[in-house]
N, C-alpha and C. Protein backbone atom coordinates (compact mmCIF):
# COMPACT_ATOMS: atom_id res chain seq x y z
N MET A 1 0.93 -1.34 0.04
CA MET A 1 -0.38 -0.27 0.02
C MET A 1 0.71 1.11 -0.36
N CYS A 2 0.72 2.10 -0.59
CA CYS A 2 1.17 3.60 -0.97
C CYS A 2 0.32 4.56 -0.35
N ILE A 3 1.16 5.57 0.47
CA ILE A 3 0.86 6.92 1.01
C ILE A 3 1.23 8.07 0.42
N PHE A 4 0.24 8.72 -0.28
CA PHE A 4 0.76 9.71 -0.64
C PHE A 4 0.83 11.39 0.02
N PHE A 5 1.70 11.74 0.13
CA PHE A 5 1.57 13.09 0.99
C PHE A 5 1.65 14.27 0.22
N PRO A 6 0.77 15.13 0.38
CA PRO A 6 0.12 16.02 -0.73
C PRO A 6 1.28 17.15 -0.44
N GLY A 7 1.87 17.53 -2.06
CA GLY A 7 2.67 19.07 -1.91
C GLY A 7 4.25 17.66 -1.77
N PHE A 8 4.41 17.03 -2.01
CA PHE A 8 5.86 16.31 -2.28
C PHE A 8 5.89 15.81 -3.55
N GLN A 9 7.23 15.88 -4.03
CA GLN A 9 7.41 15.95 -5.40
C GLN A 9 7.93 14.51 -5.11
N TYR A 10 7.33 13.24 -6.03
CA TYR A 10 7.53 11.69 -6.15
C TYR A 10 8.57 11.81 -7.18
N MET A 11 9.14 11.30 -7.14
CA MET A 11 10.41 10.31 -8.36
C MET A 11 9.64 9.55 -9.25
N ASN A 12 9.81 10.21 -10.48
CA ASN A 12 8.82 9.45 -11.55
C ASN A 12 9.42 7.80 -11.69
N ALA A 13 8.55 6.91 -11.40
CA ALA A 13 9.12 5.47 -12.04
C ALA A 13 9.71 5.24 -13.15
N SER A 14 9.46 5.89 -14.01
CA SER A 14 9.35 5.47 -15.38
C SER A 14 11.44 5.97 -15.49
N LYS A 15 11.55 5.58 -16.75
CA LYS A 15 12.98 5.82 -16.98
C LYS A 15 13.20 6.71 -17.58
N LEU A 16 14.57 7.43 -17.24
CA LEU A 16 14.72 8.65 -17.96
C LEU A 16 15.22 8.12 -19.43
N THR A 17 14.62 9.39 -20.16
CA THR A 17 14.57 8.70 -21.68
C THR A 17 15.94 9.74 -22.24
N LEU A 18 16.88 9.33 -22.58
CA LEU A 18 18.13 9.78 -23.40
C LEU A 18 18.11 9.98 -24.80
N VAL A 19 18.13 10.85 -25.20
CA VAL A 19 18.23 11.13 -26.70
C VAL A 19 19.48 11.30 -27.57
N LEU A 20 19.97 11.02 -27.71
CA LEU A 20 21.74 10.84 -28.11
C LEU A 20 21.63 11.35 -29.57
N ASP A 21 22.67 12.39 -30.23
CA ASP A 21 22.92 12.59 -31.51
C ASP A 21 24.18 11.30 -32.05
N LEU A 22 24.27 12.12 -33.23
CA LEU A 22 25.52 10.74 -33.84
C LEU A 22 27.09 11.36 -33.99
N ASP A 23 26.71 12.03 -35.16
CA ASP A 23 27.72 12.42 -35.71
C ASP A 23 28.39 13.29 -35.14
N HIS A 24 29.67 13.49 -34.56
CA HIS A 24 31.03 14.07 -33.54
C HIS A 24 30.30 14.41 -32.04
N THR A 25 29.08 13.45 -31.74
CA THR A 25 28.74 13.10 -30.52
C THR A 25 29.15 11.55 -29.81
N LEU A 26 28.95 10.94 -30.83
CA LEU A 26 28.82 9.20 -30.61
C LEU A 26 29.80 8.67 -31.51
N ILE A 27 30.03 9.59 -32.58
CA ILE A 27 31.06 8.71 -34.02
C ILE A 27 31.71 9.91 -34.72
N TYR A 28 32.47 9.53 -35.46
CA TYR A 28 33.11 10.65 -36.30
C TYR A 28 33.30 9.62 -37.67
N THR A 29 33.01 10.40 -38.71
CA THR A 29 33.55 9.59 -39.92
C THR A 29 34.36 10.33 -40.98
N LEU A 30 35.16 9.58 -41.85
CA LEU A 30 35.66 9.68 -42.73
C LEU A 30 35.30 9.02 -43.77
N HIS A 31 35.81 10.08 -45.13
CA HIS A 31 35.72 8.99 -46.71
C HIS A 31 36.70 7.74 -46.59
N PRO A 32 36.91 6.91 -47.20
CA PRO A 32 37.91 6.02 -47.40
C PRO A 32 38.96 6.56 -47.67
N LYS A 33 38.90 7.69 -48.56
CA LYS A 33 40.07 8.23 -49.49
C LYS A 33 41.02 9.25 -48.65
N ASP A 34 40.16 9.53 -47.52
CA ASP A 34 40.80 10.09 -46.38
C ASP A 34 41.96 9.48 -45.88
N ARG A 35 42.99 10.35 -45.07
CA ARG A 35 44.08 9.68 -44.70
C ARG A 35 44.01 8.76 -43.24
N LEU A 36 43.34 7.72 -43.63
CA LEU A 36 43.01 6.21 -42.56
C LEU A 36 44.23 6.35 -41.64
N GLN A 37 45.58 6.13 -42.37
CA GLN A 37 46.69 6.03 -41.95
C GLN A 37 46.97 6.83 -40.53
N ASP A 38 46.64 7.87 -40.63
CA ASP A 38 46.51 8.80 -39.44
C ASP A 38 45.70 8.53 -38.03
N VAL A 39 44.59 7.47 -38.36
CA VAL A 39 43.43 6.96 -37.27
C VAL A 39 44.43 5.89 -36.22
N ASP A 40 44.02 6.38 -35.20
CA ASP A 40 44.90 5.83 -33.70
C ASP A 40 44.22 4.02 -34.06
N GLU A 41 45.51 3.51 -33.89
CA GLU A 41 45.11 2.29 -33.59
C GLU A 41 44.15 1.79 -32.68
N SER A 42 44.05 2.27 -31.48
CA SER A 42 43.28 1.77 -30.28
C SER A 42 41.99 2.25 -30.71
N LEU A 43 41.66 3.29 -31.31
CA LEU A 43 40.00 3.64 -31.91
C LEU A 43 39.19 2.46 -32.32
N ARG A 44 38.14 1.75 -32.05
CA ARG A 44 37.46 0.95 -33.02
C ARG A 44 36.92 1.47 -34.01
N THR A 45 36.93 1.36 -34.94
CA THR A 45 36.64 1.69 -36.57
C THR A 45 35.83 0.63 -37.20
N HIS A 46 34.90 1.31 -38.14
CA HIS A 46 34.09 0.38 -39.39
C HIS A 46 34.23 1.07 -40.73
N LYS A 47 34.21 0.02 -41.40
CA LYS A 47 33.97 0.58 -43.17
C LYS A 47 32.79 0.24 -43.02
N ILE A 48 32.01 1.16 -43.65
CA ILE A 48 30.44 0.94 -43.77
C ILE A 48 30.15 1.26 -45.12
N SER A 49 29.26 0.79 -46.03
CA SER A 49 28.55 0.90 -47.30
C SER A 49 27.10 1.96 -46.92
N THR A 50 27.36 3.03 -47.40
CA THR A 50 25.73 3.43 -47.11
C THR A 50 24.98 3.84 -48.69
N LYS A 51 23.53 4.09 -48.47
CA LYS A 51 23.11 4.52 -49.88
C LYS A 51 22.57 5.79 -50.00
N ASP A 52 23.28 6.75 -48.66
CA ASP A 52 23.21 8.22 -48.67
C ASP A 52 23.45 8.85 -49.94
N THR A 53 23.25 9.89 -50.70
CA THR A 53 23.49 10.48 -51.69
C THR A 53 24.68 11.43 -51.57
N LEU A 54 24.79 11.88 -49.90
CA LEU A 54 26.36 12.45 -49.85
C LEU A 54 27.23 11.81 -49.62
N ASN A 55 27.07 10.40 -49.27
CA ASN A 55 28.26 9.24 -49.11
C ASN A 55 27.95 8.18 -50.33
N PRO A 56 28.00 8.52 -51.21
CA PRO A 56 27.54 6.99 -51.97
C PRO A 56 28.44 5.69 -51.82
N ASP A 57 29.49 6.10 -51.46
CA ASP A 57 30.50 5.08 -51.26
C ASP A 57 30.34 4.84 -49.97
N ALA A 58 31.56 3.90 -49.38
CA ALA A 58 31.33 3.71 -48.43
C ALA A 58 32.14 4.98 -47.62
N ILE A 59 31.76 4.95 -46.13
CA ILE A 59 32.23 5.83 -45.09
C ILE A 59 33.32 4.96 -44.38
N PHE A 60 34.11 5.80 -43.46
CA PHE A 60 34.98 5.10 -42.50
C PHE A 60 34.56 5.69 -40.89
N VAL A 61 33.96 4.98 -40.16
CA VAL A 61 33.61 5.11 -38.81
C VAL A 61 34.52 4.84 -37.70
N ILE A 62 34.54 6.16 -37.10
CA ILE A 62 35.18 5.84 -35.92
C ILE A 62 34.26 6.29 -34.76
N GLU A 63 34.43 5.12 -33.73
CA GLU A 63 33.78 5.30 -32.54
C GLU A 63 34.00 6.19 -31.22
N ARG A 64 33.63 6.83 -30.92
CA ARG A 64 34.18 7.58 -29.71
C ARG A 64 34.63 6.86 -28.72
N PRO A 65 35.77 6.96 -27.69
CA PRO A 65 36.15 5.84 -26.78
C PRO A 65 35.10 5.69 -25.67
N GLY A 66 34.80 4.54 -25.29
CA GLY A 66 33.77 4.04 -24.61
C GLY A 66 32.42 4.01 -25.14
N LEU A 67 32.37 4.14 -26.33
CA LEU A 67 30.87 4.08 -26.73
C LEU A 67 30.40 2.57 -26.11
N VAL A 68 30.53 1.64 -26.47
CA VAL A 68 29.81 0.40 -26.26
C VAL A 68 29.83 0.17 -24.87
N THR A 69 30.55 0.59 -23.84
CA THR A 69 30.74 0.39 -22.65
C THR A 69 29.22 1.69 -21.84
N PHE A 70 29.48 2.79 -22.95
CA PHE A 70 28.37 3.92 -22.34
C PHE A 70 26.99 3.12 -22.65
N LEU A 71 26.67 2.66 -23.86
CA LEU A 71 25.78 2.24 -24.68
C LEU A 71 25.27 1.33 -23.50
N GLN A 72 25.74 0.53 -23.45
CA GLN A 72 25.56 -0.89 -22.45
C GLN A 72 25.05 -0.35 -21.11
N GLU A 73 25.96 0.21 -20.76
CA GLU A 73 25.18 1.05 -19.30
C GLU A 73 24.09 1.60 -19.16
N VAL A 74 23.93 2.90 -19.93
CA VAL A 74 23.24 3.54 -19.87
C VAL A 74 21.50 3.13 -20.02
N ARG A 75 21.63 1.89 -20.97
CA ARG A 75 20.21 1.19 -21.65
C ARG A 75 19.63 0.34 -20.43
N GLN A 76 20.67 0.25 -19.05
CA GLN A 76 20.51 -0.33 -18.15
C GLN A 76 18.98 0.43 -17.13
N PHE A 77 19.59 2.10 -17.25
CA PHE A 77 18.56 2.82 -16.59
C PHE A 77 17.68 3.75 -17.23
N CYS A 78 18.24 3.77 -18.72
CA CYS A 78 17.56 4.81 -19.59
C CYS A 78 16.55 4.30 -21.10
N GLU A 79 15.95 4.87 -21.24
CA GLU A 79 15.18 4.51 -22.25
C GLU A 79 16.45 5.35 -23.56
N VAL A 80 17.10 4.95 -24.37
CA VAL A 80 17.70 5.36 -25.15
C VAL A 80 17.21 5.41 -26.67
N MET A 81 17.48 7.07 -26.93
CA MET A 81 16.80 6.88 -28.26
C MET A 81 18.22 7.84 -29.08
N LEU A 82 17.65 7.81 -30.41
CA LEU A 82 18.80 8.10 -31.42
C LEU A 82 17.87 9.28 -32.17
N PHE A 83 18.64 10.89 -31.96
CA PHE A 83 18.26 11.81 -32.57
C PHE A 83 19.45 12.22 -33.76
N THR A 84 19.86 11.95 -34.99
CA THR A 84 20.26 12.67 -35.75
C THR A 84 19.69 13.61 -36.76
N ALA A 85 20.49 14.41 -37.12
CA ALA A 85 20.07 15.59 -38.33
C ALA A 85 20.68 14.81 -39.59
N SER A 86 21.17 13.89 -39.80
CA SER A 86 21.74 12.93 -40.68
C SER A 86 20.92 12.17 -41.39
N SER A 87 20.68 11.63 -42.62
CA SER A 87 19.90 11.26 -43.52
C SER A 87 19.29 9.90 -42.91
N ARG A 88 18.59 9.34 -43.24
CA ARG A 88 18.16 7.74 -42.62
C ARG A 88 19.17 6.84 -43.37
N ASP A 89 19.40 7.04 -44.45
CA ASP A 89 20.15 6.09 -45.60
C ASP A 89 21.66 6.08 -44.91
N TYR A 90 22.17 7.23 -44.51
CA TYR A 90 23.21 7.42 -43.64
C TYR A 90 23.39 6.73 -42.45
N ALA A 91 22.34 7.16 -41.65
CA ALA A 91 22.52 6.84 -40.40
C ALA A 91 22.14 4.86 -40.25
N LEU A 92 21.32 4.24 -40.74
CA LEU A 92 20.92 3.13 -40.33
C LEU A 92 22.39 2.22 -40.71
N PRO A 93 22.58 2.18 -41.43
CA PRO A 93 23.88 1.55 -41.42
C PRO A 93 25.13 1.56 -40.18
N ILE A 94 25.51 2.90 -40.12
CA ILE A 94 26.08 2.79 -38.52
C ILE A 94 25.32 2.34 -37.56
N LEU A 95 24.47 2.47 -37.29
CA LEU A 95 23.37 2.03 -36.07
C LEU A 95 23.82 0.20 -35.96
N ARG A 96 23.40 -0.34 -37.31
CA ARG A 96 23.77 -1.66 -37.48
C ARG A 96 24.99 -2.06 -37.14
N VAL A 97 26.21 -1.41 -37.01
CA VAL A 97 27.24 -1.74 -36.78
C VAL A 97 27.17 -1.17 -35.04
N ILE A 98 26.66 -0.26 -34.33
CA ILE A 98 27.14 -0.06 -33.13
C ILE A 98 26.27 -0.39 -32.33
N ASP A 99 24.53 -0.76 -32.73
CA ASP A 99 23.79 -1.60 -32.22
C ASP A 99 23.48 -2.88 -32.80
N PRO A 100 24.48 -3.56 -33.26
CA PRO A 100 24.03 -4.72 -33.97
C PRO A 100 22.71 -5.62 -33.57
N ASP A 101 22.59 -5.85 -32.31
CA ASP A 101 21.06 -6.52 -31.97
C ASP A 101 19.98 -5.80 -32.03
N GLN A 102 20.32 -4.40 -32.06
CA GLN A 102 18.71 -3.57 -32.17
C GLN A 102 18.53 -3.62 -31.05
N SER A 103 19.20 -3.60 -29.62
CA SER A 103 18.56 -3.57 -28.58
C SER A 103 19.19 -1.91 -27.70
N ILE A 104 19.83 -1.36 -28.21
CA ILE A 104 19.80 0.04 -27.65
C ILE A 104 18.82 0.87 -28.17
N PHE A 105 18.93 1.40 -28.83
CA PHE A 105 18.21 2.69 -29.33
C PHE A 105 16.57 1.72 -29.39
N VAL A 106 15.76 2.67 -28.50
CA VAL A 106 14.47 2.27 -28.50
C VAL A 106 13.68 2.94 -30.05
N LYS A 107 13.74 3.87 -30.33
CA LYS A 107 13.36 4.84 -31.24
C LYS A 107 14.38 5.68 -31.96
N LYS A 108 14.39 5.80 -33.28
CA LYS A 108 14.79 6.50 -34.11
C LYS A 108 14.80 7.49 -34.69
N TYR A 109 15.08 9.27 -34.73
CA TYR A 109 14.60 10.16 -35.39
C TYR A 109 16.00 10.45 -36.11
N PHE A 110 15.44 10.69 -37.76
CA PHE A 110 16.28 11.78 -38.47
C PHE A 110 16.11 12.79 -39.06
N ARG A 111 16.55 12.97 -40.46
CA ARG A 111 16.87 14.29 -40.65
C ARG A 111 15.34 14.80 -40.94
N GLU A 112 14.69 13.70 -41.27
CA GLU A 112 13.38 14.41 -41.86
C GLU A 112 12.18 14.79 -40.68
N HIS A 113 12.82 14.47 -39.28
CA HIS A 113 12.27 14.56 -38.23
C HIS A 113 12.50 15.95 -37.38
N THR A 114 13.67 16.64 -38.19
CA THR A 114 14.36 18.07 -37.68
C THR A 114 13.22 19.37 -38.26
N SER A 115 13.59 20.22 -37.72
CA SER A 115 12.78 21.48 -38.02
C SER A 115 13.60 22.42 -38.22
N LYS A 116 13.07 23.23 -39.58
CA LYS A 116 14.03 24.33 -39.98
C LYS A 116 13.55 25.64 -39.15
N TYR A 117 14.87 26.44 -38.79
CA TYR A 117 14.06 27.43 -37.68
C TYR A 117 15.40 28.33 -38.51
N ARG A 118 14.60 30.11 -38.50
CA ARG A 118 16.00 31.02 -39.15
C ARG A 118 17.29 30.94 -38.45
N HIS A 119 17.76 30.31 -37.50
CA HIS A 119 19.04 30.44 -37.09
C HIS A 119 19.73 29.23 -37.18
N TYR A 120 19.01 27.91 -37.21
CA TYR A 120 19.55 26.44 -37.77
C TYR A 120 18.69 25.69 -37.94
N PRO A 121 19.10 25.18 -39.51
CA PRO A 121 18.34 24.47 -40.50
C PRO A 121 17.83 22.98 -39.80
N CYS A 122 18.60 22.36 -38.52
CA CYS A 122 18.12 21.24 -38.19
C CYS A 122 17.60 21.04 -36.79
N VAL A 123 17.05 21.37 -36.33
CA VAL A 123 16.64 21.74 -34.85
C VAL A 123 15.70 20.74 -34.50
N LYS A 124 16.26 19.89 -33.36
CA LYS A 124 15.32 18.58 -33.03
C LYS A 124 14.72 18.96 -31.87
N ASP A 125 13.29 18.98 -32.23
CA ASP A 125 12.44 19.59 -31.28
C ASP A 125 11.74 18.27 -30.28
N LEU A 126 12.34 18.18 -29.24
CA LEU A 126 11.99 17.17 -27.96
C LEU A 126 9.84 16.44 -28.28
N ALA A 127 9.37 17.64 -28.47
CA ALA A 127 8.57 17.51 -28.33
C ALA A 127 7.43 16.30 -29.07
N LEU A 128 8.39 16.22 -30.39
CA LEU A 128 8.08 15.22 -31.36
C LEU A 128 7.95 13.61 -30.27
N LEU A 129 8.97 13.18 -29.43
CA LEU A 129 8.67 12.06 -28.59
C LEU A 129 7.41 11.89 -27.76
N ASP A 130 6.51 12.95 -27.60
CA ASP A 130 5.07 12.74 -27.32
C ASP A 130 4.98 12.42 -25.74
N ILE A 131 6.21 12.54 -25.08
CA ILE A 131 6.29 12.53 -23.61
C ILE A 131 6.45 13.46 -22.60
N PRO A 132 5.93 13.29 -21.44
CA PRO A 132 6.64 14.47 -20.43
C PRO A 132 8.32 14.82 -20.44
N LEU A 133 8.45 16.14 -21.12
CA LEU A 133 10.02 16.29 -21.10
C LEU A 133 10.54 16.30 -19.63
N ASN A 134 9.97 16.61 -18.82
CA ASN A 134 10.45 16.66 -17.44
C ASN A 134 11.69 15.34 -17.13
N ARG A 135 11.41 14.41 -17.94
CA ARG A 135 12.37 13.10 -17.67
C ARG A 135 13.03 12.78 -18.89
N VAL A 136 13.58 14.15 -19.85
CA VAL A 136 14.13 13.58 -21.37
C VAL A 136 15.28 14.55 -21.00
N VAL A 137 16.40 13.89 -21.84
CA VAL A 137 18.01 14.48 -21.57
C VAL A 137 18.46 14.56 -23.09
N MET A 138 18.87 15.43 -23.64
CA MET A 138 19.51 15.17 -24.96
C MET A 138 20.29 15.71 -24.86
N VAL A 139 21.94 15.01 -25.37
CA VAL A 139 23.09 15.12 -25.88
C VAL A 139 23.62 15.13 -27.34
N ASP A 140 23.75 16.13 -27.36
CA ASP A 140 24.19 17.02 -28.94
C ASP A 140 25.42 17.79 -29.10
N ASP A 141 26.23 17.57 -29.78
CA ASP A 141 27.52 18.59 -29.70
C ASP A 141 27.29 19.97 -30.77
N GLU A 142 25.88 20.25 -30.94
CA GLU A 142 25.64 21.57 -31.56
C GLU A 142 24.40 21.95 -31.02
N PRO A 143 24.49 23.37 -30.54
CA PRO A 143 24.03 24.18 -29.58
C PRO A 143 22.36 24.45 -30.44
N GLY A 144 22.45 24.61 -31.72
CA GLY A 144 21.43 24.75 -32.43
C GLY A 144 20.56 23.87 -32.46
N ALA A 145 21.09 22.56 -32.26
CA ALA A 145 20.08 21.46 -32.57
C ALA A 145 18.92 21.52 -31.51
N TYR A 146 19.46 21.98 -30.35
CA TYR A 146 18.21 21.39 -29.09
C TYR A 146 18.06 23.23 -28.54
N SER A 147 17.74 24.10 -29.63
CA SER A 147 17.52 25.60 -29.25
C SER A 147 15.46 25.53 -28.77
N ILE A 148 15.32 24.61 -28.77
CA ILE A 148 13.87 24.72 -28.59
C ILE A 148 13.78 24.60 -26.90
N GLN A 149 14.39 23.30 -26.58
CA GLN A 149 14.45 22.63 -25.05
C GLN A 149 16.08 22.81 -24.64
N GLN A 150 16.02 23.95 -24.86
CA GLN A 150 17.87 23.99 -24.47
C GLN A 150 17.94 23.52 -22.84
N HIS A 151 16.97 23.58 -21.90
CA HIS A 151 17.02 23.09 -20.63
C HIS A 151 16.98 21.47 -20.32
N ASN A 152 16.98 20.86 -21.46
CA ASN A 152 16.73 19.32 -21.78
C ASN A 152 18.18 18.83 -22.05
N ALA A 153 18.91 19.90 -22.35
CA ALA A 153 20.21 19.38 -23.11
C ALA A 153 21.89 19.64 -22.73
N ILE A 154 22.16 18.58 -23.08
CA ILE A 154 23.59 18.44 -22.60
C ILE A 154 24.71 19.06 -23.48
N LEU A 155 25.68 19.73 -23.71
CA LEU A 155 26.43 19.87 -24.77
C LEU A 155 27.66 19.18 -24.74
N ALA A 156 27.43 18.15 -25.85
CA ALA A 156 29.20 17.35 -26.03
C ALA A 156 30.26 17.84 -26.53
N PRO A 157 31.62 17.95 -25.95
CA PRO A 157 32.60 18.56 -26.97
C PRO A 157 32.71 17.57 -28.22
N LYS A 158 32.87 17.85 -29.41
CA LYS A 158 32.71 17.58 -30.76
C LYS A 158 34.19 16.70 -30.57
N PHE A 159 33.01 15.38 -30.95
CA PHE A 159 34.50 14.02 -31.02
C PHE A 159 35.11 14.14 -32.72
N SER A 160 36.20 14.22 -32.61
CA SER A 160 36.62 14.26 -34.20
C SER A 160 37.82 12.97 -34.48
N GLY A 161 37.77 12.23 -33.81
CA GLY A 161 38.63 10.79 -33.58
C GLY A 161 40.33 10.91 -32.57
N ASP A 162 39.63 11.79 -31.99
CA ASP A 162 40.91 11.84 -30.18
C ASP A 162 40.94 10.45 -29.74
N PRO A 163 41.71 9.75 -29.99
CA PRO A 163 41.81 8.47 -28.71
C PRO A 163 41.69 8.80 -27.34
N HIS A 164 42.33 9.51 -27.20
CA HIS A 164 42.22 10.02 -25.42
C HIS A 164 40.88 10.78 -24.94
N ASP A 165 39.76 11.26 -25.94
CA ASP A 165 38.64 11.67 -25.61
C ASP A 165 37.78 10.54 -24.33
N ASP A 166 37.31 11.24 -23.28
CA ASP A 166 37.21 10.16 -22.27
C ASP A 166 35.81 10.94 -21.88
N PHE A 167 34.88 11.65 -22.64
CA PHE A 167 33.72 12.19 -22.11
C PHE A 167 32.76 11.72 -22.03
N LEU A 168 32.44 10.53 -22.97
CA LEU A 168 31.16 9.17 -22.36
C LEU A 168 31.22 8.71 -21.09
N LEU A 169 32.67 7.98 -20.59
CA LEU A 169 32.71 7.53 -19.61
C LEU A 169 33.03 8.39 -18.42
N SER A 170 33.96 9.15 -18.72
CA SER A 170 34.37 10.11 -17.34
C SER A 170 33.45 11.33 -17.38
N CYS A 171 32.77 12.18 -18.19
CA CYS A 171 31.81 12.84 -17.81
C CYS A 171 30.31 12.92 -18.02
N LEU A 172 29.95 12.04 -19.30
CA LEU A 172 28.33 11.99 -19.46
C LEU A 172 27.79 11.13 -18.76
N LEU A 173 28.55 9.70 -18.45
CA LEU A 173 27.82 8.28 -17.64
C LEU A 173 27.62 9.22 -16.12
N PRO A 174 28.34 9.68 -15.49
CA PRO A 174 28.51 9.87 -14.15
C PRO A 174 27.38 11.09 -13.99
N LEU A 175 27.21 11.85 -14.91
CA LEU A 175 26.13 13.06 -15.02
C LEU A 175 24.97 12.38 -15.03
N ILE A 176 24.64 11.37 -16.34
CA ILE A 176 23.20 10.77 -16.33
C ILE A 176 22.66 10.18 -15.10
N ARG A 177 23.73 9.22 -14.55
CA ARG A 177 23.75 8.43 -13.46
C ARG A 177 23.06 9.42 -12.37
N LYS A 178 23.16 10.67 -12.05
CA LYS A 178 22.78 11.68 -10.86
C LYS A 178 21.33 12.27 -11.81
N LEU A 179 21.31 12.32 -13.17
CA LEU A 179 20.03 12.74 -13.53
C LEU A 179 18.80 11.97 -13.51
N VAL A 180 19.05 10.61 -13.26
CA VAL A 180 18.39 9.96 -13.07
C VAL A 180 17.18 9.59 -12.27
N ALA A 181 18.05 9.96 -11.05
CA ALA A 181 17.17 10.07 -9.56
C ALA A 181 16.42 11.60 -9.32
N LEU A 182 16.32 12.61 -10.32
CA LEU A 182 15.40 13.83 -10.52
C LEU A 182 14.13 13.45 -10.88
N GLU A 183 13.28 14.19 -10.43
CA GLU A 183 11.71 14.12 -11.11
C GLU A 183 11.86 15.05 -12.10
N ASP A 184 12.69 16.42 -12.17
CA ASP A 184 12.46 17.37 -13.54
C ASP A 184 13.88 17.52 -13.55
N VAL A 185 14.84 17.17 -14.83
CA VAL A 185 16.20 17.22 -15.32
C VAL A 185 16.59 18.50 -15.44
N ARG A 186 14.86 19.08 -15.88
CA ARG A 186 15.54 20.87 -16.35
C ARG A 186 15.92 21.74 -15.29
N ASP A 187 15.43 21.08 -14.17
CA ASP A 187 16.17 22.33 -12.76
C ASP A 187 17.64 21.81 -12.79
N PHE A 188 18.09 20.91 -12.87
CA PHE A 188 18.83 20.99 -12.81
C PHE A 188 20.33 21.14 -13.78
N LEU A 189 19.70 21.26 -15.23
CA LEU A 189 20.48 21.35 -16.63
C LEU A 189 20.11 23.04 -16.97
N ALA A 190 19.02 23.86 -16.33
CA ALA A 190 18.64 24.82 -16.60
C ALA A 190 20.18 25.94 -16.26
């Protein structure tokens, strides 16, 4: 039996919704003709064929250090979604590599789901998720992408293939663990 006290803020029993960007947040891509020999061998990399009109051939994908561990950890206490300004044809082959079992990203949103605004061409409106925003966090390297719901966002430093990058495991994962306990993440992220 539960006893409710008027005026007390109860923690939402639902999982935190974590909305992740793809390019420069989780991965970095190069064209195979670029200088691949400069990529540190400690990084997880993949050569992927896409049907994307901007990348009709293959692309070379570099995972941000700690990506696999980060995704495995957060999926235990978050509903993880992807929201990218990239096309579906570009992003889906990448997702098949970083989430081969399709067990991490419960929903996926692509360029066609973004909105064009005067100051930024691909704004990601979290209202599209059709869930209360008090328990939604977006992580993106581009502030313009989350300009509508700034108090739901965490700015990720751009990832460009640095093998010493520790953002996901040293910075973001501990922060997400703290946000899980909050009734309204916007109070903390404001």
